[in-house]
Amino acid sequence: TGGTQEGYINLVTPKFQSPSSASLGTVAMTFHLLPA
C-alpha cells in the first residue's frame, strides 16, 4: 500500500511574487504626481 491512486492530481498553489519596493515606489510616485 502507499502507491499513487488512479486519477490523483497533484495540485500546486501558484505563488505570486510580491511587488518589489522599487515597483511600489514607482506606483506611489505616479499617484502622487497624478493631480498635478
PDB file of all heavy atoms in Angstrom:
ATOM      1  N   THR A   1       0.847  -1.191   0.000  1.00  0.00           N
ATOM      2  CA  THR A   1       0.000   0.000   0.000  1.00  0.00           C
ATOM      3  C   THR A   1       0.883   1.242   0.000  1.00  0.00           C
ATOM      4  O   THR A   1       2.063   1.183   0.357  1.00  0.00           O
ATOM      5  CB  THR A   1      -0.909   0.043   1.245  1.00  0.00           C
ATOM      6  OG1 THR A   1      -0.081   0.023   2.425  1.00  0.00           O
ATOM      7  CG2 THR A   1      -1.856  -1.144   1.279  1.00  0.00           C
ATOM      8  N   GLY A   2       0.286   2.368  -0.407  1.00  0.00           N
ATOM      9  CA  GLY A   2       1.039   3.621  -0.404  1.00  0.00           C
ATOM     10  C   GLY A   2       1.389   4.121  -1.781  1.00  0.00           C
ATOM     11  O   GLY A   2       2.028   5.169  -1.930  1.00  0.00           O
ATOM     12  N   GLY A   3       0.935   3.396  -2.830  1.00  0.00           N
ATOM     13  CA  GLY A   3       1.189   3.849  -4.194  1.00  0.00           C
ATOM     14  C   GLY A   3       0.246   4.975  -4.593  1.00  0.00           C
ATOM     15  O   GLY A   3      -0.669   5.341  -3.854  1.00  0.00           O
ATOM     16  N   THR A   4       0.453   5.514  -5.778  1.00  0.00           N
ATOM     17  CA  THR A   4      -0.375   6.599  -6.297  1.00  0.00           C
ATOM     18  C   THR A   4      -1.713   6.055  -6.763  1.00  0.00           C
ATOM     19  O   THR A   4      -1.768   5.089  -7.524  1.00  0.00           O
ATOM     20  CB  THR A   4       0.334   7.306  -7.472  1.00  0.00           C
ATOM     21  OG1 THR A   4       1.601   7.787  -7.027  1.00  0.00           O
ATOM     22  CG2 THR A   4      -0.495   8.463  -7.986  1.00  0.00           C
ATOM     23  N   GLN A   5      -2.786   6.690  -6.319  1.00  0.00           N
ATOM     24  CA  GLN A   5      -4.127   6.275  -6.730  1.00  0.00           C
ATOM     25  C   GLN A   5      -4.436   6.784  -8.131  1.00  0.00           C
ATOM     26  O   GLN A   5      -3.950   7.839  -8.547  1.00  0.00           O
ATOM     27  CB  GLN A   5      -5.182   6.811  -5.745  1.00  0.00           C
ATOM     28  CG  GLN A   5      -5.013   6.290  -4.332  1.00  0.00           C
ATOM     29  CD  GLN A   5      -5.245   4.794  -4.224  1.00  0.00           C
ATOM     30  OE1 GLN A   5      -5.978   4.207  -5.018  1.00  0.00           O
ATOM     31  NE2 GLN A   5      -4.616   4.158  -3.243  1.00  0.00           N
ATOM     32  N   GLU A   6      -5.259   6.049  -8.858  1.00  0.00           N
ATOM     33  CA  GLU A   6      -5.669   6.461 -10.209  1.00  0.00           C
ATOM     34  C   GLU A   6      -6.448   7.767 -10.127  1.00  0.00           C
ATOM     35  O   GLU A   6      -7.293   7.961  -9.255  1.00  0.00           O
ATOM     36  CB  GLU A   6      -6.548   5.387 -10.856  1.00  0.00           C
ATOM     37  CG  GLU A   6      -5.842   4.055 -11.066  1.00  0.00           C
ATOM     38  CD  GLU A   6      -4.712   4.136 -12.068  1.00  0.00           C
ATOM     39  OE1 GLU A   6      -4.761   5.025 -12.935  1.00  0.00           O
ATOM     40  OE2 GLU A   6      -3.772   3.327 -11.981  1.00  0.00           O
ATOM     41  N   GLY A   7      -6.160   8.673 -11.052  1.00  0.00           N
ATOM     42  CA  GLY A   7      -6.886   9.940 -11.101  1.00  0.00           C
ATOM     43  C   GLY A   7      -6.385  10.963 -10.113  1.00  0.00           C
ATOM     44  O   GLY A   7      -6.941  12.051  -9.995  1.00  0.00           O
ATOM     45  N   TYR A   8      -5.314  10.630  -9.389  1.00  0.00           N
ATOM     46  CA  TYR A   8      -4.774  11.574  -8.417  1.00  0.00           C
ATOM     47  C   TYR A   8      -4.129  12.747  -9.127  1.00  0.00           C
ATOM     48  O   TYR A   8      -3.392  12.585 -10.081  1.00  0.00           O
ATOM     49  CB  TYR A   8      -3.729  10.872  -7.546  1.00  0.00           C
ATOM     50  CG  TYR A   8      -3.037  11.769  -6.553  1.00  0.00           C
ATOM     51  CD1 TYR A   8      -3.617  12.055  -5.327  1.00  0.00           C
ATOM     52  CD2 TYR A   8      -1.799  12.335  -6.854  1.00  0.00           C
ATOM     53  CE1 TYR A   8      -2.977  12.880  -4.421  1.00  0.00           C
ATOM     54  CE2 TYR A   8      -1.156  13.150  -5.958  1.00  0.00           C
ATOM     55  CZ  TYR A   8      -1.742  13.416  -4.743  1.00  0.00           C
ATOM     56  OH  TYR A   8      -1.106  14.234  -3.846  1.00  0.00           O
ATOM     57  N   ILE A   9      -4.461  13.941  -8.678  1.00  0.00           N
ATOM     58  CA  ILE A   9      -3.897  15.155  -9.266  1.00  0.00           C
ATOM     59  C   ILE A   9      -3.125  15.910  -8.188  1.00  0.00           C
ATOM     60  O   ILE A   9      -3.651  16.184  -7.111  1.00  0.00           O
ATOM     61  CB  ILE A   9      -5.003  16.071  -9.834  1.00  0.00           C
ATOM     62  CG1 ILE A   9      -5.782  15.333 -10.925  1.00  0.00           C
ATOM     63  CG2 ILE A   9      -4.395  17.357 -10.397  1.00  0.00           C
ATOM     64  CD1 ILE A   9      -6.941  16.127 -11.470  1.00  0.00           C
ATOM     65  N   ASN A  10      -1.902  16.206  -8.475  1.00  0.00           N
ATOM     66  CA  ASN A  10      -1.082  16.948  -7.531  1.00  0.00           C
ATOM     67  C   ASN A  10      -1.283  18.434  -7.772  1.00  0.00           C
ATOM     68  O   ASN A  10      -0.783  18.991  -8.738  1.00  0.00           O
ATOM     69  CB  ASN A  10       0.388  16.564  -7.715  1.00  0.00           C
ATOM     70  CG  ASN A  10       1.270  17.200  -6.664  1.00  0.00           C
ATOM     71  OD1 ASN A  10       0.781  17.595  -5.615  1.00  0.00           O
ATOM     72  ND2 ASN A  10       2.565  17.293  -6.950  1.00  0.00           N
ATOM     73  N   LEU A  11      -2.077  19.067  -6.911  1.00  0.00           N
ATOM     74  CA  LEU A  11      -2.363  20.484  -7.073  1.00  0.00           C
ATOM     75  C   LEU A  11      -1.246  21.317  -6.478  1.00  0.00           C
ATOM     76  O   LEU A  11      -0.841  21.109  -5.343  1.00  0.00           O
ATOM     77  CB  LEU A  11      -3.685  20.840  -6.379  1.00  0.00           C
ATOM     78  CG  LEU A  11      -4.939  20.166  -6.963  1.00  0.00           C
ATOM     79  CD1 LEU A  11      -6.151  20.523  -6.116  1.00  0.00           C
ATOM     80  CD2 LEU A  11      -5.163  20.612  -8.400  1.00  0.00           C
ATOM     81  N   VAL A  12      -0.768  22.256  -7.259  1.00  0.00           N
ATOM     82  CA  VAL A  12       0.282  23.152  -6.789  1.00  0.00           C
ATOM     83  C   VAL A  12      -0.270  24.552  -6.742  1.00  0.00           C
ATOM     84  O   VAL A  12      -0.729  25.085  -7.754  1.00  0.00           O
ATOM     85  CB  VAL A  12       1.514  23.100  -7.727  1.00  0.00           C
ATOM     86  CG1 VAL A  12       2.586  24.049  -7.234  1.00  0.00           C
ATOM     87  CG2 VAL A  12       2.052  21.684  -7.814  1.00  0.00           C
ATOM     88  N   THR A  13      -0.280  25.155  -5.570  1.00  0.00           N
ATOM     89  CA  THR A  13      -0.789  26.514  -5.428  1.00  0.00           C
ATOM     90  C   THR A  13       0.207  27.485  -6.025  1.00  0.00           C
ATOM     91  O   THR A  13       1.378  27.503  -5.630  1.00  0.00           O
ATOM     92  CB  THR A  13      -0.991  26.863  -3.936  1.00  0.00           C
ATOM     93  OG1 THR A  13      -1.842  25.885  -3.366  1.00  0.00           O
ATOM     94  CG2 THR A  13      -1.590  28.249  -3.786  1.00  0.00           C
ATOM     95  N   PRO A  14      -0.221  28.299  -6.999  1.00  0.00           N
ATOM     96  CA  PRO A  14       0.715  29.239  -7.616  1.00  0.00           C
ATOM     97  C   PRO A  14       1.180  30.281  -6.619  1.00  0.00           C
ATOM     98  O   PRO A  14       0.419  30.739  -5.771  1.00  0.00           O
ATOM     99  CB  PRO A  14      -0.115  29.875  -8.748  1.00  0.00           C
ATOM    100  CG  PRO A  14      -1.525  29.709  -8.308  1.00  0.00           C
ATOM    101  CD  PRO A  14      -1.581  28.417  -7.546  1.00  0.00           C
ATOM    102  N   LYS A  15       2.426  30.599  -6.698  1.00  0.00           N
ATOM    103  CA  LYS A  15       2.993  31.612  -5.816  1.00  0.00           C
ATOM    104  C   LYS A  15       3.223  32.895  -6.602  1.00  0.00           C
ATOM    105  O   LYS A  15       3.899  32.895  -7.622  1.00  0.00           O
ATOM    106  CB  LYS A  15       4.324  31.114  -5.234  1.00  0.00           C
ATOM    107  CG  LYS A  15       4.175  29.902  -4.326  1.00  0.00           C
ATOM    108  CD  LYS A  15       5.517  29.499  -3.747  1.00  0.00           C
ATOM    109  CE  LYS A  15       5.360  28.298  -2.813  1.00  0.00           C
ATOM    110  NZ  LYS A  15       6.653  27.877  -2.239  1.00  0.00           N
ATOM    111  N   PHE A  16       2.607  33.950  -6.119  1.00  0.00           N
ATOM    112  CA  PHE A  16       2.766  35.232  -6.790  1.00  0.00           C
ATOM    113  C   PHE A  16       3.856  36.018  -6.091  1.00  0.00           C
ATOM    114  O   PHE A  16       3.866  36.144  -4.870  1.00  0.00           O
ATOM    115  CB  PHE A  16       1.447  36.020  -6.754  1.00  0.00           C
ATOM    116  CG  PHE A  16       0.323  35.317  -7.469  1.00  0.00           C
ATOM    117  CD1 PHE A  16      -0.608  34.559  -6.776  1.00  0.00           C
ATOM    118  CD2 PHE A  16       0.220  35.401  -8.846  1.00  0.00           C
ATOM    119  CE1 PHE A  16      -1.628  33.909  -7.440  1.00  0.00           C
ATOM    120  CE2 PHE A  16      -0.801  34.742  -9.519  1.00  0.00           C
ATOM    121  CZ  PHE A  16      -1.734  34.004  -8.813  1.00  0.00           C
ATOM    122  N   GLN A  17       4.727  36.569  -6.894  1.00  0.00           N
ATOM    123  CA  GLN A  17       5.829  37.328  -6.330  1.00  0.00           C
ATOM    124  C   GLN A  17       5.326  38.678  -5.861  1.00  0.00           C
ATOM    125  O   GLN A  17       4.631  39.383  -6.586  1.00  0.00           O
ATOM    126  CB  GLN A  17       6.926  37.512  -7.378  1.00  0.00           C
ATOM    127  CG  GLN A  17       8.152  38.239  -6.827  1.00  0.00           C
ATOM    128  CD  GLN A  17       9.241  38.327  -7.873  1.00  0.00           C
ATOM    129  OE1 GLN A  17       9.046  37.901  -9.004  1.00  0.00           O
ATOM    130  NE2 GLN A  17      10.375  38.890  -7.504  1.00  0.00           N
ATOM    131  N   SER A  18       5.654  39.028  -4.617  1.00  0.00           N
ATOM    132  CA  SER A  18       5.221  40.322  -4.100  1.00  0.00           C
ATOM    133  C   SER A  18       5.975  41.422  -4.806  1.00  0.00           C
ATOM    134  O   SER A  18       7.147  41.273  -5.160  1.00  0.00           O
ATOM    135  CB  SER A  18       5.501  40.392  -2.593  1.00  0.00           C
ATOM    136  OG  SER A  18       6.886  40.207  -2.351  1.00  0.00           O
ATOM    137  N   PRO A  19       5.315  42.526  -5.068  1.00  0.00           N
ATOM    138  CA  PRO A  19       5.984  43.622  -5.773  1.00  0.00           C
ATOM    139  C   PRO A  19       7.165  44.129  -4.980  1.00  0.00           C
ATOM    140  O   PRO A  19       7.121  44.181  -3.743  1.00  0.00           O
ATOM    141  CB  PRO A  19       4.884  44.675  -5.905  1.00  0.00           C
ATOM    142  CG  PRO A  19       3.903  44.353  -4.830  1.00  0.00           C
ATOM    143  CD  PRO A  19       3.934  42.860  -4.696  1.00  0.00           C
ATOM    144  N   SER A  20       8.210  44.456  -5.685  1.00  0.00           N
ATOM    145  CA  SER A  20       9.415  44.943  -5.024  1.00  0.00           C
ATOM    146  C   SER A  20       9.203  46.347  -4.495  1.00  0.00           C
ATOM    147  O   SER A  20       8.266  47.045  -4.884  1.00  0.00           O
ATOM    148  CB  SER A  20      10.587  44.937  -6.011  1.00  0.00           C
ATOM    149  OG  SER A  20      10.339  45.861  -7.054  1.00  0.00           O
ATOM    150  N   SER A  21      10.086  46.783  -3.615  1.00  0.00           N
ATOM    151  CA  SER A  21       9.983  48.128  -3.062  1.00  0.00           C
ATOM    152  C   SER A  21      10.162  49.168  -4.148  1.00  0.00           C
ATOM    153  O   SER A  21       9.567  50.240  -4.126  1.00  0.00           O
ATOM    154  CB  SER A  21      11.047  48.311  -1.976  1.00  0.00           C
ATOM    155  OG  SER A  21      12.348  48.077  -2.500  1.00  0.00           O
ATOM    156  N   ALA A  22      10.955  48.827  -5.165  1.00  0.00           N
ATOM    157  CA  ALA A  22      11.169  49.772  -6.271  1.00  0.00           C
ATOM    158  C   ALA A  22       9.890  49.984  -7.044  1.00  0.00           C
ATOM    159  O   ALA A  22       9.522  51.104  -7.381  1.00  0.00           O
ATOM    160  CB  ALA A  22      12.284  49.249  -7.187  1.00  0.00           C
ATOM    161  N   SER A  23       9.176  48.861  -7.346  1.00  0.00           N
ATOM    162  CA  SER A  23       7.936  48.999  -8.111  1.00  0.00           C
ATOM    163  C   SER A  23       6.882  49.710  -7.293  1.00  0.00           C
ATOM    164  O   SER A  23       6.082  50.498  -7.813  1.00  0.00           O
ATOM    165  CB  SER A  23       7.433  47.624  -8.554  1.00  0.00           C
ATOM    166  OG  SER A  23       7.186  46.802  -7.434  1.00  0.00           O
ATOM    167  N   LEU A  24       6.857  49.443  -5.963  1.00  0.00           N
ATOM    168  CA  LEU A  24       5.907  50.133  -5.094  1.00  0.00           C
ATOM    169  C   LEU A  24       6.194  51.631  -5.075  1.00  0.00           C
ATOM    170  O   LEU A  24       5.287  52.459  -5.084  1.00  0.00           O
ATOM    171  CB  LEU A  24       5.979  49.568  -3.674  1.00  0.00           C
ATOM    172  CG  LEU A  24       5.347  48.187  -3.456  1.00  0.00           C
ATOM    173  CD1 LEU A  24       5.641  47.699  -2.046  1.00  0.00           C
ATOM    174  CD2 LEU A  24       3.851  48.230  -3.701  1.00  0.00           C
ATOM    175  N   GLY A  25       7.485  51.952  -5.072  1.00  0.00           N
ATOM    176  CA  GLY A  25       7.853  53.366  -5.078  1.00  0.00           C
ATOM    177  C   GLY A  25       7.420  54.050  -6.353  1.00  0.00           C
ATOM    178  O   GLY A  25       6.949  55.194  -6.352  1.00  0.00           O
ATOM    179  N   THR A  26       7.549  53.333  -7.477  1.00  0.00           N
ATOM    180  CA  THR A  26       7.144  53.915  -8.762  1.00  0.00           C
ATOM    181  C   THR A  26       5.648  54.167  -8.788  1.00  0.00           C
ATOM    182  O   THR A  26       5.176  55.204  -9.259  1.00  0.00           O
ATOM    183  CB  THR A  26       7.533  52.956  -9.899  1.00  0.00           C
ATOM    184  OG1 THR A  26       8.932  52.735  -9.854  1.00  0.00           O
ATOM    185  CG2 THR A  26       7.149  53.549 -11.245  1.00  0.00           C
ATOM    186  N   VAL A  27       4.868  53.175  -8.293  1.00  0.00           N
ATOM    187  CA  VAL A  27       3.411  53.329  -8.252  1.00  0.00           C
ATOM    188  C   VAL A  27       3.020  54.505  -7.366  1.00  0.00           C
ATOM    189  O   VAL A  27       2.160  55.318  -7.702  1.00  0.00           O
ATOM    190  CB  VAL A  27       2.752  52.024  -7.744  1.00  0.00           C
ATOM    191  CG1 VAL A  27       1.265  52.237  -7.523  1.00  0.00           C
ATOM    192  CG2 VAL A  27       2.979  50.903  -8.737  1.00  0.00           C
ATOM    193  N   ALA A  28       3.655  54.618  -6.191  1.00  0.00           N
ATOM    194  CA  ALA A  28       3.343  55.705  -5.264  1.00  0.00           C
ATOM    195  C   ALA A  28       3.657  57.056  -5.890  1.00  0.00           C
ATOM    196  O   ALA A  28       2.888  58.018  -5.762  1.00  0.00           O
ATOM    197  CB  ALA A  28       4.138  55.514  -3.972  1.00  0.00           C
ATOM    198  N   MET A  29       4.790  57.143  -6.573  1.00  0.00           N
ATOM    199  CA  MET A  29       5.167  58.402  -7.224  1.00  0.00           C
ATOM    200  C   MET A  29       4.176  58.786  -8.308  1.00  0.00           C
ATOM    201  O   MET A  29       3.806  59.949  -8.477  1.00  0.00           O
ATOM    202  CB  MET A  29       6.578  58.255  -7.816  1.00  0.00           C
ATOM    203  CG  MET A  29       7.083  59.535  -8.486  1.00  0.00           C
ATOM    204  SD  MET A  29       7.270  60.888  -7.300  1.00  0.00           S
ATOM    205  CE  MET A  29       8.694  60.321  -6.385  1.00  0.00           C
ATOM    206  N   THR A  30       3.690  57.762  -9.048  1.00  0.00           N
ATOM    207  CA  THR A  30       2.725  58.023 -10.117  1.00  0.00           C
ATOM    208  C   THR A  30       1.434  58.612  -9.547  1.00  0.00           C
ATOM    209  O   THR A  30       0.897  59.595 -10.071  1.00  0.00           O
ATOM    210  CB  THR A  30       2.411  56.730 -10.887  1.00  0.00           C
ATOM    211  OG1 THR A  30       3.626  56.208 -11.425  1.00  0.00           O
ATOM    212  CG2 THR A  30       1.422  57.003 -12.007  1.00  0.00           C
ATOM    213  N   PHE A  31       0.926  58.004  -8.467  1.00  0.00           N
ATOM    214  CA  PHE A  31      -0.295  58.521  -7.848  1.00  0.00           C
ATOM    215  C   PHE A  31      -0.074  59.917  -7.254  1.00  0.00           C
ATOM    216  O   PHE A  31      -0.963  60.759  -7.258  1.00  0.00           O
ATOM    217  CB  PHE A  31      -0.790  57.556  -6.757  1.00  0.00           C
ATOM    218  CG  PHE A  31      -1.551  56.396  -7.309  1.00  0.00           C
ATOM    219  CD1 PHE A  31      -0.996  55.127  -7.313  1.00  0.00           C
ATOM    220  CD2 PHE A  31      -2.817  56.570  -7.849  1.00  0.00           C
ATOM    221  CE1 PHE A  31      -1.703  54.053  -7.843  1.00  0.00           C
ATOM    222  CE2 PHE A  31      -3.529  55.491  -8.364  1.00  0.00           C
ATOM    223  CZ  PHE A  31      -2.980  54.234  -8.370  1.00  0.00           C
ATOM    224  N   HIS A  32       1.118  60.166  -6.742  1.00  0.00           N
ATOM    225  CA  HIS A  32       1.419  61.462  -6.139  1.00  0.00           C
ATOM    226  C   HIS A  32       1.424  62.571  -7.193  1.00  0.00           C
ATOM    227  O   HIS A  32       0.980  63.703  -6.946  1.00  0.00           O
ATOM    228  CB  HIS A  32       2.777  61.381  -5.436  1.00  0.00           C
ATOM    229  CG  HIS A  32       3.222  62.689  -4.840  1.00  0.00           C
ATOM    230  ND1 HIS A  32       2.625  63.218  -3.715  1.00  0.00           N
ATOM    231  CD2 HIS A  32       4.197  63.574  -5.234  1.00  0.00           C
ATOM    232  CE1 HIS A  32       3.196  64.386  -3.426  1.00  0.00           C
ATOM    233  NE2 HIS A  32       4.166  64.608  -4.331  1.00  0.00           N
ATOM    234  N   LEU A  33       1.921  62.281  -8.375  1.00  0.00           N
ATOM    235  CA  LEU A  33       2.022  63.280  -9.442  1.00  0.00           C
ATOM    236  C   LEU A  33       0.767  63.394 -10.286  1.00  0.00           C
ATOM    237  O   LEU A  33       0.634  64.324 -11.081  1.00  0.00           O
ATOM    238  CB  LEU A  33       3.216  62.942 -10.356  1.00  0.00           C
ATOM    239  CG  LEU A  33       4.609  63.005  -9.696  1.00  0.00           C
ATOM    240  CD1 LEU A  33       5.653  62.546 -10.702  1.00  0.00           C
ATOM    241  CD2 LEU A  33       4.908  64.421  -9.224  1.00  0.00           C
ATOM    242  N   LEU A  34      -0.169  62.433 -10.132  1.00  0.00           N
ATOM    243  CA  LEU A  34      -1.338  62.411 -10.994  1.00  0.00           C
ATOM    244  C   LEU A  34      -2.154  63.717 -10.949  1.00  0.00           C
ATOM    245  O   LEU A  34      -2.518  64.263 -12.011  1.00  0.00           O
ATOM    246  CB  LEU A  34      -2.226  61.217 -10.633  1.00  0.00           C
ATOM    247  CG  LEU A  34      -3.431  60.958 -11.557  1.00  0.00           C
ATOM    248  CD1 LEU A  34      -2.974  60.783 -13.002  1.00  0.00           C
ATOM    249  CD2 LEU A  34      -4.194  59.726 -11.097  1.00  0.00           C
ATOM    250  N   PRO A  35      -2.472  64.273  -9.762  1.00  0.00           N
ATOM    251  CA  PRO A  35      -3.256  65.532  -9.745  1.00  0.00           C
ATOM    252  C   PRO A  35      -2.562  66.660 -10.490  1.00  0.00           C
ATOM    253  O   PRO A  35      -3.199  67.409 -11.243  1.00  0.00           O
ATOM    254  CB  PRO A  35      -3.377  65.842  -8.248  1.00  0.00           C
ATOM    255  CG  PRO A  35      -3.242  64.523  -7.580  1.00  0.00           C
ATOM    256  CD  PRO A  35      -2.244  63.773  -8.401  1.00  0.00           C
ATOM    257  N   ALA A  36      -1.264  66.829 -10.286  1.00  0.00           N
ATOM    258  CA  ALA A  36      -0.536  67.897 -10.965  1.00  0.00           C
ATOM    259  C   ALA A  36      -0.556  67.708 -12.469  1.00  0.00           C
ATOM    260  O   ALA A  36      -0.701  68.673 -13.237  1.00  0.00           O
ATOM    261  CB  ALA A  36       0.911  67.924 -10.448  1.00  0.00           C
TER     262      ALA A  36
END
